[in-house]
C-alpha cells in the first residue's frame, strides 16, 4: 500500500545527514594543531541528535506504511529489508575492509575471528553500526507492532515513562555495566554493545512510530506548540553544551568531554526528543523553495551519502594534507563542505551506475536505490 510522504520528515532526514557529516568532521578536526573547542562543539555537540533522529525517521516511515491495524506478512517484510539494508551492509563492510587492507597493508580484519567481529558489530567503518541496530529493529518488528497501539492510545504517560526508562537504561549501560569480561564471547557482547543493543534507541524509535500512527494529532500539537517546542530545543541544547563546557572547565580535553556529553547521556536523550519535536514543528509549516529543494535532495540521497562519505573524507583529508593545510577552523569548514558535495556527487554516480548494472545496484543500494533510501533512514 502506497502512503504519501510527509515533507517535514524528509527535511529532517536531510538535516540529519548534514549533522552526521558534521559529527565525523569533528573527529578530523582533532588532528589540527590546536583544537578550537567552540568549532568542535558546533560539529559534535549541536549535531548530537543526528544519528538517533534517523531511528525516529525510520520508525515513522515503517509505521506509516505498516500501521498496526493492517496485516503484515513478516517474511515478505524481512526479505525486502534484507535487500535494502542487509545486503548493502555486508557489501559496504567488505568494501571498507578491503580498502583498509589496501591502504595500510594490514590484513588482520580478514582473519578468524576478527572477520566475524567486524561483520557482526559494524566495525568495518565507523558509521556502519547504525545499520546493525536498524537490522535488529527490523527483526523485532512484530514486537513493535504489538507495543505501539498501547503507546498510541495514551501517548503522554506511556512515552513519559519510556523516556525515564531510556535515560536510566542508558546511564546503567554507559556508566555502571562493565565494558570488559574475561570470557571471550561475553567480552565481545559487552565491549560492542553500543553497536547492536536496540535498547539504547528504543525510545526515539517508538516515538517515531507513535507520531506516525497519531499523525494528525501530532501535526496539530506541533503547530499549536511550535514556539514552546523551539524553547524546549534551545534549553535542551544549552544543557548539553553546558555539560560539555563544564567538563572542559574541569580539565577534560574536547574528546573526553564529548564522550560524556553524547546522545546516550541524559541530556543527550532529552536533546534528541526536543530535536524530533521541534524540527517537525518547524518543517511542517513549510520552507522556502530553495531550502526545501536542497533538503529534499539530501534526503533523497541520504542512504548513499551515509554509506560513502567516510571514503570521501579519507581522500579529502589526504588531499588537504598534501596541500600542507592543517585543520584550522577555516580548513575544517572547507573540509565539511567538500565532504557534503563530494558525497552527494558519489551518491549520484552510484545511482547512475546502479541503473546500468543492476547487480551493482543490488549490492550497494539494495536493488532499488530510491526505495532503499526511503525505507532505511
Protein backbone atom coordinates (compact mmCIF):
# COMPACT_ATOMS: atom_id res chain seq x y z
CA UNK A 1 0.00 0.00 0.00
CA UNK A 2 1.43 3.34 -1.04
CA UNK A 3 1.38 6.03 1.61
CA UNK A 4 2.04 9.68 0.90
CA UNK A 5 5.32 11.11 2.09
CA UNK A 6 5.44 13.74 4.80
CA UNK A 7 7.65 16.61 3.67
CA UNK A 8 8.70 17.55 7.20
CA UNK A 9 10.10 14.05 7.79
CA UNK A 10 12.04 14.21 4.52
CA UNK A 11 13.52 17.57 5.54
CA UNK A 12 14.52 16.09 8.90
CA UNK A 13 16.30 13.31 7.04
CA UNK A 14 18.25 15.90 5.05
CA UNK A 15 19.22 17.90 8.16
CA UNK A 16 20.25 14.70 9.94
CA UNK A 17 22.51 13.78 7.03
CA UNK A 18 24.24 17.16 7.31
CA UNK A 19 24.60 16.55 11.05
CA UNK A 20 26.17 13.11 10.58
CA UNK A 21 28.81 14.60 8.27
CA UNK A 22 29.36 17.29 10.90
CA UNK A 23 29.95 14.70 13.62
CA UNK A 24 32.56 12.90 11.55
CA UNK A 25 34.15 16.19 10.51
CA UNK A 26 34.56 16.94 14.20
CA UNK A 27 36.69 13.82 14.59
CA UNK A 28 39.01 15.04 11.81
CA UNK A 29 39.21 18.49 13.41
CA UNK A 30 41.03 16.91 16.36
CA UNK A 31 44.03 16.46 14.04
CA UNK A 32 44.56 20.22 13.87
CA UNK A 33 47.48 21.98 15.55
CA UNK A 34 45.12 23.37 18.18
CA UNK A 35 41.52 22.25 18.63
CA UNK A 36 39.01 25.08 18.64
CA UNK A 37 36.63 23.91 21.37
CA UNK A 38 33.76 26.06 20.03
CA UNK A 39 34.03 24.72 16.46
CA UNK A 40 34.26 21.24 17.94
CA UNK A 41 31.08 21.91 19.94
CA UNK A 42 29.28 23.05 16.79
CA UNK A 43 30.32 19.92 14.90
CA UNK A 44 29.98 17.36 17.68
CA UNK A 45 27.51 18.66 20.27
CA UNK A 46 24.98 20.67 18.26
CA UNK A 47 24.66 17.71 15.84
CA UNK A 48 24.22 15.04 18.55
CA UNK A 49 20.61 14.39 17.54
CA UNK A 50 21.59 13.35 14.02
CA UNK A 51 22.08 9.59 14.39
CA UNK A 52 19.20 8.89 16.82
CA UNK A 53 16.80 11.04 14.81
CA UNK A 54 17.36 8.66 11.88
CA UNK A 55 15.72 5.97 14.05
CA UNK A 56 12.78 8.34 14.58
CA UNK A 57 12.51 8.84 10.81
CA UNK A 58 12.88 5.10 10.12
CA UNK A 59 10.10 4.17 12.54
CA UNK A 60 7.91 6.96 11.22
CA UNK A 61 8.21 5.59 7.69
CA UNK A 62 7.70 1.99 8.78
CA UNK A 63 4.53 2.70 10.73
CA UNK A 64 3.12 4.96 8.04
CA UNK A 65 3.46 2.03 5.66
CA UNK A 66 2.72 -0.80 8.09
CA UNK A 67 0.24 0.57 10.61
CA UNK A 68 -0.62 -1.84 13.45
CA UNK A 69 -4.18 -2.32 12.18
CA UNK A 70 -3.02 -3.60 8.79
CA UNK A 71 -1.84 -7.16 8.16
CA UNK A 72 1.91 -7.69 7.91
CA UNK A 73 3.48 -10.60 6.03
CA UNK A 74 6.62 -10.77 8.14
CA UNK A 75 8.51 -13.00 5.69
CA UNK A 76 7.93 -10.57 2.83
CA UNK A 77 8.72 -7.63 5.09
CA UNK A 78 12.01 -9.16 6.20
CA UNK A 79 13.08 -10.16 2.67
CA UNK A 80 12.58 -6.59 1.48
CA UNK A 81 14.55 -5.16 4.38
CA UNK A 82 17.31 -7.72 3.83
CA UNK A 83 17.64 -6.45 0.26
CA UNK A 84 17.58 -2.78 1.19
CA UNK A 85 19.76 -2.94 4.30
CA UNK A 86 21.45 -6.29 4.98
CA UNK A 87 22.90 -6.85 1.51
CA UNK A 88 24.34 -3.30 1.19
CA UNK A 89 25.59 -3.51 4.78
CA UNK A 90 27.62 -6.64 4.05
CA UNK A 91 28.82 -5.28 0.69
CA UNK A 92 29.99 -1.96 2.14
CA UNK A 93 31.57 -3.69 5.13
CA UNK A 94 33.65 -5.85 2.81
CA UNK A 95 34.49 -2.81 0.69
CA UNK A 96 35.72 -0.83 3.70
CA UNK A 97 37.69 -3.83 4.96
CA UNK A 98 39.34 -4.23 1.56
CA UNK A 99 40.09 -0.51 1.39
CA UNK A 100 41.70 -0.55 4.84
CA UNK A 101 43.86 -3.53 3.88
CA UNK A 102 44.84 -1.91 0.58
CA UNK A 103 45.81 1.37 2.23
CA UNK A 104 47.61 0.00 5.29
CA UNK A 105 48.72 -3.49 4.28
CA UNK A 106 47.11 -4.82 7.47
CA UNK A 107 45.06 -7.94 6.62
CA UNK A 108 44.05 -8.96 10.14
CA UNK A 109 40.44 -7.93 9.52
CA UNK A 110 40.11 -10.94 7.22
CA UNK A 111 41.37 -13.43 9.77
CA UNK A 112 39.18 -15.55 12.03
CA UNK A 113 37.63 -14.49 14.41
CA UNK A 114 38.11 -10.81 13.52
CA UNK A 115 36.18 -11.01 10.25
CA UNK A 116 33.06 -12.19 12.13
CA UNK A 117 33.52 -9.47 14.72
CA UNK A 118 33.76 -6.81 12.02
CA UNK A 119 30.61 -8.03 10.28
CA UNK A 120 28.52 -8.66 13.39
CA UNK A 121 29.16 -5.28 15.02
CA UNK A 122 29.63 -2.87 12.11
CA UNK A 123 33.35 -2.33 12.75
CA UNK A 124 34.44 -2.07 9.12
CA UNK A 125 33.68 1.67 9.13
CA UNK A 126 32.60 3.97 11.92
CA UNK A 127 29.13 4.75 10.53
CA UNK A 128 28.00 1.17 9.82
CA UNK A 129 26.87 0.36 13.35
CA UNK A 130 23.70 2.32 12.58
CA UNK A 131 22.70 -0.32 10.04
CA UNK A 132 23.39 -3.15 12.50
CA UNK A 133 21.00 -1.59 15.02
CA UNK A 134 18.46 -0.88 12.28
CA UNK A 135 18.55 -4.53 11.19
CA UNK A 136 17.75 -5.53 14.78
CA UNK A 137 14.87 -3.05 14.85
CA UNK A 138 13.51 -4.62 11.65
CA UNK A 139 13.92 -8.14 13.02
CA UNK A 140 11.84 -7.15 16.06
CA UNK A 141 9.04 -5.56 14.02
CA UNK A 142 6.31 -7.91 15.39
CA UNK A 143 7.20 -6.75 18.91
CA UNK A 144 6.97 -3.07 17.97
CA UNK A 145 3.62 -3.65 16.24
CA UNK A 146 2.30 -5.23 19.44
CA UNK A 147 3.55 -2.39 21.66
CA UNK A 148 2.79 0.69 19.56
CA UNK A 149 -1.06 0.52 19.75
CA UNK A 150 -0.84 0.64 23.56
CA UNK A 151 1.55 3.60 23.42
CA UNK A 152 -0.54 5.41 20.81
CA UNK A 153 -3.72 5.03 22.88
CA UNK A 154 -2.21 7.09 25.73
CA UNK A 155 0.98 8.60 24.33
CA UNK A 156 1.87 11.16 27.01
CA UNK A 157 2.02 8.89 30.09
CA UNK A 158 3.50 5.92 28.22
CA UNK A 159 6.13 7.89 26.33
CA UNK A 160 6.97 9.83 29.50
CA UNK A 161 7.58 6.56 31.35
CA UNK A 162 9.56 5.20 28.41
CA UNK A 163 11.71 8.36 28.33
CA UNK A 164 12.56 7.94 32.02
CA UNK A 165 13.36 4.26 31.46
CA UNK A 166 15.55 5.16 28.49
CA UNK A 167 17.59 7.66 30.50
CA UNK A 168 18.02 5.13 33.31
CA UNK A 169 18.98 2.29 30.98
CA UNK A 170 21.50 4.36 29.03
CA UNK A 171 23.12 5.56 32.25
CA UNK A 172 23.35 1.99 33.52
CA UNK A 173 24.80 0.74 30.23
CA UNK A 174 27.35 3.56 29.88
CA UNK A 175 28.41 4.08 33.49
CA UNK A 176 27.54 1.03 35.59
CA UNK A 177 27.78 -2.06 33.40
CA UNK A 178 31.41 -3.20 32.90
CA UNK A 179 32.95 -2.83 29.47
CA UNK A 180 35.09 -5.96 29.53
CA UNK A 181 34.75 -9.56 30.64
CA UNK A 182 37.13 -12.47 30.96
CA UNK A 183 35.11 -14.82 28.76
CA UNK A 184 35.78 -14.14 25.05
CA UNK A 185 32.15 -14.12 23.93
CA UNK A 186 30.93 -12.15 26.94
CA UNK A 187 33.72 -9.66 26.27
CA UNK A 188 32.57 -9.23 22.67
CA UNK A 189 28.96 -8.78 23.76
CA UNK A 190 29.89 -6.14 26.34
CA UNK A 191 32.51 -4.04 24.59
CA UNK A 192 30.46 -3.73 21.38
CA UNK A 193 27.05 -3.24 22.99
CA UNK A 194 26.69 0.32 21.65
CA UNK A 195 26.85 -1.15 18.15
CA UNK A 196 23.91 -3.54 18.39
CA UNK A 197 21.74 -3.05 21.50
CA UNK A 198 18.49 -1.59 20.21
CA UNK A 199 17.53 -0.73 23.79
CA UNK A 200 19.83 2.31 23.61
CA UNK A 201 17.49 3.86 21.00
CA UNK A 202 14.12 2.23 21.65
CA UNK A 203 12.51 5.44 22.96
CA UNK A 204 13.26 7.54 19.88
CA UNK A 205 12.24 4.66 17.58
CA UNK A 206 8.90 4.16 19.30
CA UNK A 207 8.39 7.92 19.44
CA UNK A 208 8.60 7.96 15.64
CA UNK A 209 6.15 5.06 15.43
CA UNK A 210 3.61 6.72 17.72
CA UNK A 211 3.89 10.04 15.87
CA UNK A 212 3.20 8.21 12.60
CA UNK A 213 0.16 6.38 14.00
CA UNK A 214 -1.20 9.58 15.57
CA UNK A 215 -0.06 11.79 12.68
CA UNK A 216 -2.95 14.26 12.61
CA UNK A 217 -2.83 14.74 16.37
CA UNK A 218 0.94 15.09 16.22
CA UNK A 219 0.67 17.72 13.49
CA UNK A 220 -1.91 19.69 15.43
CA UNK A 221 0.23 19.54 18.58
CA UNK A 222 3.35 20.64 16.67
CA UNK A 223 1.55 23.56 15.03
CA UNK A 224 -0.04 24.68 18.29
CA UNK A 225 3.17 24.38 20.34
CA UNK A 226 5.77 25.50 17.81
CA UNK A 227 7.19 28.29 19.98
CA UNK A 228 7.22 26.15 23.10
CA UNK A 229 8.98 23.37 21.21
CA UNK A 230 11.53 25.89 19.96
CA UNK A 231 12.20 26.92 23.54
CA UNK A 232 12.44 23.27 24.59
CA UNK A 233 15.01 22.68 21.86
CA UNK A 234 17.05 25.73 22.90
CA UNK A 235 17.02 24.80 26.59
CA UNK A 236 17.97 21.16 25.91
CA UNK A 237 20.80 22.26 23.63
CA UNK A 238 22.02 24.70 26.30
CA UNK A 239 22.00 21.85 28.85
CA UNK A 240 24.06 19.59 26.60
CA UNK A 241 26.50 22.38 25.72
CA UNK A 242 26.67 23.33 29.39
CA UNK A 243 27.68 19.79 30.27
CA UNK A 244 30.39 19.88 27.59
CA UNK A 245 31.84 23.24 28.68
CA UNK A 246 31.65 22.28 32.37
CA UNK A 247 33.76 19.20 31.62
CA UNK A 248 36.26 21.34 29.71
CA UNK A 249 36.49 23.72 32.67
CA UNK A 250 37.10 20.71 34.92
CA UNK A 251 40.15 19.78 32.86
CA UNK A 252 38.80 17.31 30.31
CA UNK A 253 40.03 17.51 26.72
CA UNK A 254 37.36 18.01 24.00
CA UNK A 255 37.23 14.34 23.03
CA UNK A 256 36.76 13.19 26.61
CA UNK A 257 34.10 15.87 27.19
CA UNK A 258 32.27 14.68 24.08
CA UNK A 259 32.32 11.07 25.25
CA UNK A 260 30.37 12.20 28.32
CA UNK A 261 28.07 14.74 26.64
CA UNK A 262 26.86 12.49 23.83
CA UNK A 263 23.48 11.29 22.58
CA UNK A 264 23.12 8.49 25.14
CA UNK A 265 23.69 10.78 28.13
CA UNK A 266 20.58 12.01 29.99
CA UNK A 267 20.93 15.48 28.43
CA UNK A 268 21.55 13.86 25.04
CA UNK A 269 18.37 11.79 25.17
CA UNK A 270 16.30 14.86 26.08
CA UNK A 271 18.02 16.87 23.32
CA UNK A 272 17.14 14.18 20.78
CA UNK A 273 13.49 14.32 21.88
CA UNK A 274 13.49 18.11 21.58
CA UNK A 275 15.07 17.96 18.13
CA UNK A 276 12.48 15.46 16.86
CA UNK A 277 9.56 17.59 18.04
CA UNK A 278 10.98 20.99 17.15
CA UNK A 279 12.28 20.11 13.69
CA UNK A 280 8.97 18.50 12.75
CA UNK A 281 7.07 21.56 14.00
CA UNK A 282 9.44 23.88 12.14
CA UNK A 283 9.40 21.99 8.85
CA UNK A 284 5.72 21.03 8.81
CA UNK A 285 4.93 24.72 8.49
CA UNK A 286 6.76 24.74 5.13
CA UNK A 287 10.12 26.02 3.93
CA UNK A 288 11.31 28.48 1.28
CA UNK A 289 11.60 26.79 -2.11
CA UNK A 290 15.41 26.76 -2.17
CA UNK A 291 15.81 25.26 1.29
CA UNK A 292 13.08 22.71 0.59
CA UNK A 293 14.77 21.61 -2.65
CA UNK A 294 18.20 21.30 -1.00
CA UNK A 295 16.93 19.26 1.95
CA UNK A 296 14.80 17.08 -0.32
CA UNK A 297 17.86 16.29 -2.46
CA UNK A 298 19.91 15.44 0.61
CA UNK A 299 17.08 13.27 1.92
CA UNK A 300 16.69 11.52 -1.42
CA UNK A 301 20.37 10.52 -1.49
CA UNK A 302 20.91 10.25 2.27
CA UNK A 303 21.34 6.47 2.26
CA UNK A 304 24.11 6.51 -0.34
CA UNK A 305 25.73 9.57 1.27
CA UNK A 306 25.68 7.83 4.63
CA UNK A 307 27.40 4.80 3.17
CA UNK A 308 30.05 6.54 1.08
CA UNK A 309 31.02 9.69 2.98
CA UNK A 310 33.84 8.13 5.08
CA UNK A 311 35.68 7.30 1.85
CA UNK A 312 35.21 10.87 0.63
CA UNK A 313 36.50 12.17 3.97
CA UNK A 314 39.55 9.92 3.87
CA UNK A 315 40.66 11.18 0.47
CA UNK A 316 39.70 14.79 1.18
CA UNK A 317 41.89 14.66 4.29
CA UNK A 318 44.76 13.20 2.28
CA UNK A 319 44.42 15.92 -0.34
CA UNK A 320 44.42 18.67 2.27
CA UNK A 321 47.49 17.18 3.92
CA UNK A 322 49.20 17.05 0.55
CA UNK A 323 48.48 20.75 0.13
CA UNK A 324 50.09 21.42 3.51
CA UNK A 325 46.80 22.61 5.02
CA UNK A 326 46.34 21.95 8.73
CA UNK A 327 42.90 21.53 10.28
CA UNK A 328 42.34 25.14 11.32
CA UNK A 329 38.71 26.32 11.62
CA UNK A 330 38.53 27.69 8.03
CA UNK A 331 40.02 24.47 6.66
CA UNK A 332 37.60 22.41 8.76
CA UNK A 333 34.70 24.38 7.25
CA UNK A 334 36.05 23.73 3.76
CA UNK A 335 36.57 20.07 4.58
CA UNK A 336 32.95 19.81 5.69
CA UNK A 337 31.65 21.45 2.52
CA UNK A 338 33.91 19.32 0.34
CA UNK A 339 32.65 16.18 2.06
CA UNK A 340 28.99 17.06 1.60
CA UNK A 341 29.46 17.96 -2.07
CA UNK A 342 31.77 15.04 -2.82
CA UNK A 343 29.46 12.55 -1.09
CA UNK A 344 26.43 13.85 -2.99
CA UNK A 345 28.32 13.53 -6.28
CA UNK A 346 29.38 9.99 -5.33
CA UNK A 347 25.77 9.13 -4.48
CA UNK A 348 24.62 10.40 -7.88
CA UNK A 349 27.34 8.37 -9.58
CA UNK A 350 26.31 5.26 -7.64
CA UNK A 351 22.69 5.67 -8.68
CA UNK A 352 23.66 6.12 -12.32
CA UNK A 353 25.90 3.05 -12.19
CA UNK A 354 23.16 1.03 -10.48
CA UNK A 355 20.75 1.78 -13.33
CA UNK A 356 23.22 0.36 -15.83
CA UNK A 357 24.48 -2.52 -13.69
CA UNK A 358 21.59 -3.99 -11.68
CA UNK A 359 23.93 -6.35 -9.80
CA UNK A 360 25.92 -3.39 -8.57
CA UNK A 361 22.72 -1.68 -7.50
CA UNK A 362 21.68 -4.81 -5.60
CA UNK A 363 24.97 -4.89 -3.70
CA UNK A 364 25.43 -1.20 -2.94
CA UNK A 365 21.97 0.33 -2.82
CA UNK A 366 19.57 -2.57 -2.28
CA UNK A 367 18.49 -3.01 -5.92
CA UNK A 368 16.08 -0.07 -5.98
CA UNK A 369 18.02 2.96 -4.71
CA UNK A 370 15.10 5.33 -4.20
CA UNK A 371 13.09 2.73 -2.34
CA UNK A 372 16.05 1.78 -0.20
CA UNK A 373 16.73 5.38 0.76
CA UNK A 374 13.14 5.96 1.77
CA UNK A 375 12.74 2.88 3.94
CA UNK A 376 16.06 2.62 5.72
CA UNK A 377 16.58 6.09 7.11
